[in-house]
Amino acid sequence: MTADFAVTERTIQRDLRELSSVFPLVMDGRNRPYGWSWQRDSPSFDLPGLSVPEALALTLVEQQLANSLPPATLDTLQLHFRSAQQALGAIEPHSQANAWLDKVRTIAPMQRLLAPVSDAACQRIVYDALMRDRQLRLSYRKREHLQVVRYEEVHPLAVVQRGQLIYLVCMFAAYDDVRMLAMHRITQAEMLYVDSRKKAGFSLDDYIESGNMGVRAGEPIQLQAVFSRSAGEHLFETPLASDQMLTALPEGGLSLHATVANTRELRWWLLGLGDGVNVVAPALLRDEMKGMIQRMAAHYR
C-alpha cells in the first residue's frame, strides 16, 4: 500500500536540518539544491539496532580476524564495528557481555613475541592484489641484507598468519617454485593491472601441512622418541600426527612413533622439552639434536 504526501522542497530541507541535530547528516551547501548525506565514518544506522550478542560477536571478529579479511570487506565492517562498540558502551560496564571480553583470550603455545610493524598501505595493496588475482611489484628488505631488493613480477597465491608474523605466499616472474615473503619487510607495493598466474594443483592446506610454514628442512620423517610421562602426556589429547602411536612403557615413559614434517619448528619443540625427550630415530635427527645439546652445554660451562 502506498500513500502520497504533498510537501515542498522547503519542508524537506527544514526536516533534514532538524534530523541533522539527532543523526550524523551533513549538508553540501556549495550549490542549490543542497545535497544531504550520511556523515563519512559515522556509525551505521541499523533498524532494529544491534543486539548485545551481535555486538559481542562483531567485537570478537574485529579482534581476531582483522588480518584475515580483504580490505574492502574490512572497510565495510568498520561502521558495524563502531556500532558494536556503541551498543556495548550503552550497557553496564560490568554486564555479562562486556565482562566476557575480559574473560577470553587466544594465545600461541610458545613464547609470546611482539608483532613487527608492517606498512599498513603496503599490506592493503597486497591484500587487494590477492583478492583481485593481480600481479604485484614489490620492494623488499631481506633479513640478512640492509639494502632493499625489487621484485618486478610477483604472483600472490595466499596470505598466512603464523603467530605474530604475516606471510605472503607467492611465485616470482615465470618461476613455478612457491616462495614466502614476510609482510613487515615489504617497504613498497604496487598492484599491476595484469592477471596473476596460478600454480596448477596448489593447495594452501597441503602447503602448510607439508611443513613449509615450519620452515621445512627436508622430506617428512618417521620420528621415534621416548618421552617422560610429564613431557609427553599431552600427546594423548593433542597428537603430533594422524598416524601417531603413543605407548606407555613399563618404566613410566612414553614411546612415540609418528610421521612428521622435517622442520625447524620440530627441532625447536623437541629442544623446548629439554631432558623430557630422547630422540631415537631417525639417526640424522638424533645426531643433530646431540650436536645442538653439546653446543648448548658448552655455553654454560
Protein backbone atom coordinates (compact mmCIF):
# COMPACT_ATOMS: atom_id res chain seq x y z
CA MET A 1 0.00 0.00 0.00
CA THR A 2 1.36 3.43 -0.90
CA ALA A 3 0.37 6.95 0.05
CA ASP A 4 1.15 10.34 -1.47
CA PHE A 5 2.02 13.40 0.61
CA ALA A 6 2.17 16.92 -0.76
CA VAL A 7 5.36 18.56 0.51
CA THR A 8 7.58 21.34 -0.71
CA GLU A 9 11.34 21.38 -1.13
CA ARG A 10 11.48 23.94 1.69
CA THR A 11 9.70 21.49 4.01
CA ILE A 12 12.12 18.68 3.15
CA GLN A 13 15.13 20.94 3.74
CA ARG A 14 13.69 22.03 7.11
CA ASP A 15 13.05 18.43 8.14
CA LEU A 16 16.57 17.42 7.14
CA ARG A 17 18.04 20.23 9.27
CA GLU A 18 16.03 19.04 12.25
CA LEU A 19 17.09 15.45 11.66
CA SER A 20 20.75 16.55 11.48
CA SER A 21 20.54 17.55 15.16
CA VAL A 22 19.84 13.91 16.02
CA PHE A 23 21.58 11.91 13.28
CA PRO A 24 25.01 12.43 11.64
CA LEU A 25 23.61 14.10 8.50
CA VAL A 26 25.69 16.70 6.66
CA MET A 27 24.67 19.25 4.04
CA ASP A 28 26.63 20.15 0.93
CA GLY A 29 25.81 23.83 0.58
CA ARG A 30 28.03 24.57 -2.40
CA ASN A 31 25.20 24.52 -4.93
CA ARG A 32 21.43 24.62 -4.93
CA PRO A 33 19.52 22.45 -4.44
CA TYR A 34 21.51 21.47 -1.37
CA GLY A 35 22.57 17.84 -1.12
CA TRP A 36 22.44 15.80 2.06
CA SER A 37 24.36 12.67 3.01
CA TRP A 38 25.20 10.44 5.93
CA GLN A 39 28.40 11.73 7.54
CA ARG A 40 31.52 9.85 6.49
CA ASP A 41 32.88 7.35 9.06
CA SER A 42 29.78 7.70 11.23
CA PRO A 43 28.31 4.58 12.82
CA SER A 44 25.80 2.80 10.63
CA PHE A 45 22.12 3.36 11.30
CA ASP A 46 20.60 -0.06 11.83
CA LEU A 47 16.92 -0.80 12.34
CA PRO A 48 16.41 -2.54 14.64
CA GLY A 49 19.83 -1.83 16.20
CA LEU A 50 22.45 -4.40 17.04
CA SER A 51 21.54 -6.81 19.80
CA VAL A 52 24.08 -7.34 22.56
CA PRO A 53 25.05 -10.85 21.29
CA GLU A 54 25.55 -9.43 17.79
CA ALA A 55 27.67 -6.57 19.14
CA LEU A 56 29.76 -9.02 21.14
CA ALA A 57 30.28 -11.26 18.09
CA LEU A 58 31.34 -8.30 15.91
CA THR A 59 33.80 -7.08 18.54
CA LEU A 60 35.44 -10.50 18.68
CA VAL A 61 35.55 -10.64 14.86
CA GLU A 62 37.37 -7.30 14.84
CA GLN A 63 39.89 -8.55 17.41
CA GLN A 64 40.59 -11.92 15.85
CA LEU A 65 40.08 -11.63 12.08
CA ALA A 66 41.37 -8.19 11.09
CA ASN A 67 44.40 -9.70 9.29
CA SER A 68 42.30 -12.39 7.59
CA LEU A 69 39.76 -10.19 5.81
CA PRO A 70 40.07 -8.47 2.41
CA PRO A 71 40.49 -4.67 2.76
CA ALA A 72 37.15 -3.91 1.07
CA THR A 73 35.33 -6.23 3.49
CA LEU A 74 37.15 -4.73 6.45
CA ASP A 75 36.24 -1.22 5.29
CA THR A 76 32.58 -2.20 5.03
CA LEU A 77 32.62 -3.66 8.52
CA GLN A 78 34.23 -0.62 10.16
CA LEU A 79 30.85 1.09 10.59
CA HIS A 80 29.41 -2.08 12.12
CA PHE A 81 32.39 -2.36 14.45
CA ARG A 82 31.70 1.18 15.68
CA SER A 83 28.02 0.34 16.11
CA ALA A 84 29.06 -2.69 18.14
CA GLN A 85 31.26 -0.51 20.35
CA GLN A 86 28.36 1.88 20.88
CA ALA A 87 25.97 -0.96 21.67
CA LEU A 88 28.34 -2.44 24.26
CA GLY A 89 29.13 1.03 25.60
CA ALA A 90 25.44 1.70 26.21
CA ILE A 91 25.08 -1.19 28.67
CA GLU A 92 26.53 -1.56 32.14
CA PRO A 93 30.37 -1.80 32.11
CA HIS A 94 30.17 -4.90 34.32
CA SER A 95 27.43 -6.60 32.31
CA GLN A 96 27.89 -10.20 31.26
CA ALA A 97 28.62 -9.20 27.64
CA ASN A 98 31.30 -6.64 28.49
CA ALA A 99 32.78 -8.92 31.12
CA TRP A 100 33.07 -11.68 28.52
CA LEU A 101 35.63 -9.62 26.57
CA ASP A 102 37.90 -9.76 29.63
CA LYS A 103 37.37 -13.50 30.08
CA VAL A 104 38.56 -14.91 26.74
CA ARG A 105 41.97 -14.81 25.05
CA THR A 106 43.69 -16.73 22.27
CA ILE A 107 47.39 -17.39 22.83
CA ALA A 108 50.01 -19.34 20.93
CA PRO A 109 51.63 -22.34 22.66
CA MET A 110 55.06 -20.67 22.60
CA GLN A 111 56.95 -17.69 23.96
CA ARG A 112 54.91 -14.63 23.03
CA LEU A 113 56.78 -12.15 20.84
CA LEU A 114 55.90 -8.59 19.92
CA ALA A 115 54.49 -8.21 16.42
CA PRO A 116 56.72 -6.42 13.90
CA VAL A 117 55.39 -3.20 12.42
CA SER A 118 54.03 -3.62 8.89
CA ASP A 119 53.34 -0.79 6.47
CA ALA A 120 49.52 -0.60 6.51
CA ALA A 121 49.33 0.82 2.97
CA CYS A 122 51.56 -1.94 1.59
CA GLN A 123 49.57 -4.62 3.38
CA ARG A 124 46.34 -3.23 1.97
CA ILE A 125 47.71 -3.25 -1.59
CA VAL A 126 48.97 -6.83 -1.20
CA TYR A 127 45.59 -7.99 0.11
CA ASP A 128 43.79 -6.17 -2.71
CA ALA A 129 46.00 -7.82 -5.34
CA LEU A 130 45.42 -11.23 -3.76
CA MET A 131 41.67 -10.63 -3.74
CA ARG A 132 41.62 -9.49 -7.39
CA ASP A 133 44.17 -12.05 -8.69
CA ARG A 134 46.52 -9.28 -9.87
CA GLN A 135 50.31 -9.15 -10.09
CA LEU A 136 52.40 -7.10 -7.68
CA ARG A 137 55.58 -5.06 -7.91
CA LEU A 138 57.32 -5.08 -4.54
CA SER A 139 60.28 -3.54 -2.77
CA TYR A 140 61.51 -5.96 -0.11
CA ARG A 141 64.09 -5.81 2.64
CA LYS A 142 65.66 -9.22 3.21
CA ARG A 143 66.51 -10.18 6.74
CA GLU A 144 70.22 -10.65 6.04
CA HIS A 145 70.61 -7.53 3.87
CA LEU A 146 70.31 -3.84 4.62
CA GLN A 147 69.52 -2.89 1.04
CA VAL A 148 66.07 -3.22 -0.48
CA VAL A 149 65.56 -5.56 -3.45
CA ARG A 150 62.97 -5.05 -6.17
CA TYR A 151 60.63 -7.77 -7.41
CA GLU A 152 59.01 -6.67 -10.65
CA GLU A 153 56.56 -9.54 -11.15
CA VAL A 154 55.06 -11.20 -8.08
CA HIS A 155 52.11 -13.58 -8.35
CA PRO A 156 50.26 -13.74 -4.98
CA LEU A 157 48.79 -17.11 -4.01
CA ALA A 158 47.80 -16.74 -0.36
CA VAL A 159 48.37 -14.95 2.94
CA VAL A 160 49.16 -16.89 6.11
CA GLN A 161 49.43 -15.55 9.65
CA ARG A 162 51.81 -17.57 11.81
CA GLY A 163 51.95 -16.27 15.35
CA GLN A 164 52.69 -12.54 15.13
CA LEU A 165 54.01 -12.75 11.57
CA ILE A 166 52.08 -12.45 8.31
CA TYR A 167 53.49 -14.07 5.18
CA LEU A 168 52.67 -13.60 1.51
CA VAL A 169 52.82 -16.94 -0.31
CA CYS A 170 53.67 -16.23 -3.93
CA MET A 171 55.61 -17.01 -7.10
CA PHE A 172 58.15 -14.82 -8.90
CA ALA A 173 58.04 -13.99 -12.64
CA ALA A 174 57.91 -17.17 -14.74
CA TYR A 175 59.16 -19.48 -11.96
CA ASP A 176 56.86 -22.14 -10.50
CA ASP A 177 58.50 -22.62 -7.10
CA VAL A 178 56.43 -21.21 -4.24
CA ARG A 179 58.09 -18.58 -2.05
CA MET A 180 57.24 -16.73 1.17
CA LEU A 181 57.69 -13.03 1.87
CA ALA A 182 57.30 -11.55 5.36
CA MET A 183 54.71 -8.77 5.20
CA HIS A 184 56.63 -6.45 7.54
CA ARG A 185 59.66 -6.49 5.22
CA ILE A 186 57.66 -5.15 2.26
CA THR A 187 58.59 -1.48 2.05
CA GLN A 188 56.70 -0.58 -1.13
CA ALA A 189 53.90 -2.27 -3.07
CA GLU A 190 52.16 -1.59 -6.35
CA MET A 191 49.28 -3.58 -7.77
CA LEU A 192 49.62 -4.15 -11.50
CA TYR A 193 46.58 -4.36 -13.73
CA VAL A 194 47.78 -7.69 -15.08
CA ASP A 195 46.30 -11.03 -14.06
CA SER A 196 48.47 -13.11 -11.77
CA ARG A 197 49.42 -16.70 -12.56
CA LYS A 198 48.00 -19.66 -10.69
CA LYS A 199 50.03 -22.72 -9.72
CA ALA A 200 48.41 -25.88 -11.02
CA GLY A 201 47.27 -28.12 -8.18
CA PHE A 202 48.31 -25.65 -5.47
CA SER A 203 46.51 -26.18 -2.16
CA LEU A 204 47.23 -23.85 0.75
CA ASP A 205 46.31 -26.55 3.25
CA ASP A 206 48.69 -29.03 1.60
CA TYR A 207 51.41 -26.37 1.51
CA ILE A 208 51.09 -25.77 5.25
CA GLU A 209 50.72 -29.49 6.03
CA SER A 210 53.96 -30.22 4.17
CA GLY A 211 55.83 -28.16 6.76
CA ASN A 212 56.72 -25.14 4.65
CA MET A 213 55.47 -22.68 7.26
CA GLY A 214 57.58 -24.56 9.78
CA VAL A 215 60.29 -23.87 7.92
CA ARG A 216 60.86 -27.17 6.09
CA ALA A 217 64.28 -28.79 6.37
CA GLY A 218 63.60 -31.84 4.19
CA GLU A 219 61.08 -34.56 3.39
CA PRO A 220 58.78 -35.96 6.13
CA ILE A 221 60.47 -38.25 8.62
CA GLN A 222 59.49 -41.23 10.78
CA LEU A 223 60.07 -39.84 14.25
CA GLN A 224 60.73 -42.25 17.10
CA ALA A 225 61.21 -40.79 20.56
CA VAL A 226 60.84 -41.62 24.23
CA PHE A 227 59.17 -39.02 26.45
CA SER A 228 58.94 -38.70 30.17
CA ARG A 229 55.34 -39.01 31.32
CA SER A 230 55.07 -35.32 32.20
CA ALA A 231 56.63 -34.14 28.91
CA GLY A 232 54.63 -36.39 26.58
CA GLU A 233 51.28 -36.92 28.28
CA HIS A 234 49.66 -34.05 26.36
CA LEU A 235 50.19 -36.03 23.13
CA PHE A 236 47.32 -38.34 24.13
CA GLU A 237 44.93 -35.40 23.69
CA THR A 238 46.80 -33.37 21.06
CA PRO A 239 48.56 -35.87 18.75
CA LEU A 240 51.68 -34.91 16.84
CA ALA A 241 50.36 -36.57 13.64
CA SER A 242 47.35 -38.52 12.38
CA ASP A 243 49.35 -41.79 12.37
CA GLN A 244 50.83 -41.25 15.83
CA MET A 245 51.32 -44.30 18.05
CA LEU A 246 51.91 -43.46 21.69
CA THR A 247 52.61 -46.36 24.02
CA ALA A 248 53.12 -46.36 27.77
CA LEU A 249 56.39 -48.03 28.81
CA PRO A 250 56.76 -50.25 31.89
CA GLU A 251 59.29 -47.86 33.46
CA GLY A 252 56.83 -44.96 33.21
CA GLY A 253 57.83 -43.20 29.99
CA LEU A 254 56.02 -42.93 26.66
CA SER A 255 57.20 -44.31 23.31
CA LEU A 256 56.19 -42.33 20.24
CA HIS A 257 56.13 -43.24 16.54
CA ALA A 258 54.80 -40.66 14.07
CA THR A 259 55.29 -39.31 10.56
CA VAL A 260 56.10 -35.61 10.92
CA ALA A 261 57.26 -32.72 8.76
CA ASN A 262 61.01 -32.23 8.92
CA THR A 263 61.06 -28.61 10.06
CA ARG A 264 62.94 -26.15 12.22
CA GLU A 265 59.78 -25.89 14.31
CA LEU A 266 60.04 -29.61 15.12
CA ARG A 267 63.57 -29.08 16.39
CA TRP A 268 62.55 -26.07 18.50
CA TRP A 269 59.72 -28.08 20.00
CA LEU A 270 61.97 -31.04 20.85
CA LEU A 271 64.63 -28.77 22.34
CA GLY A 272 61.96 -26.99 24.37
CA LEU A 273 61.12 -30.27 26.12
CA GLY A 274 64.67 -30.46 27.48
CA ASP A 275 65.53 -33.73 29.15
CA GLY A 276 61.88 -34.81 28.88
CA VAL A 277 62.50 -36.33 25.43
CA ASN A 278 65.07 -38.67 23.89
CA VAL A 279 65.06 -38.79 20.07
CA VAL A 280 65.72 -42.38 18.96
CA ALA A 281 65.29 -42.09 15.17
CA PRO A 282 65.98 -41.11 12.51
CA ALA A 283 69.71 -41.26 13.16
CA LEU A 284 70.42 -37.97 11.35
CA LEU A 285 67.97 -36.08 13.57
CA ARG A 286 69.33 -37.79 16.69
CA ASP A 287 72.88 -36.76 15.76
CA GLU A 288 71.73 -33.23 15.00
CA MET A 289 69.97 -32.96 18.37
CA LYS A 290 73.02 -34.38 20.13
CA GLY A 291 75.29 -31.80 18.48
CA MET A 292 72.99 -28.91 19.41
CA ILE A 293 72.75 -30.08 23.02
CA GLN A 294 76.53 -30.40 23.29
CA ARG A 295 76.98 -26.88 21.93
CA MET A 296 74.33 -25.59 24.33
CA ALA A 297 76.10 -27.26 27.25
CA ALA A 298 79.38 -25.63 26.20
CA HIS A 299 77.77 -22.19 26.55
CA TYR A 300 77.03 -22.82 30.23
CA ARG A 301 80.39 -24.15 31.36
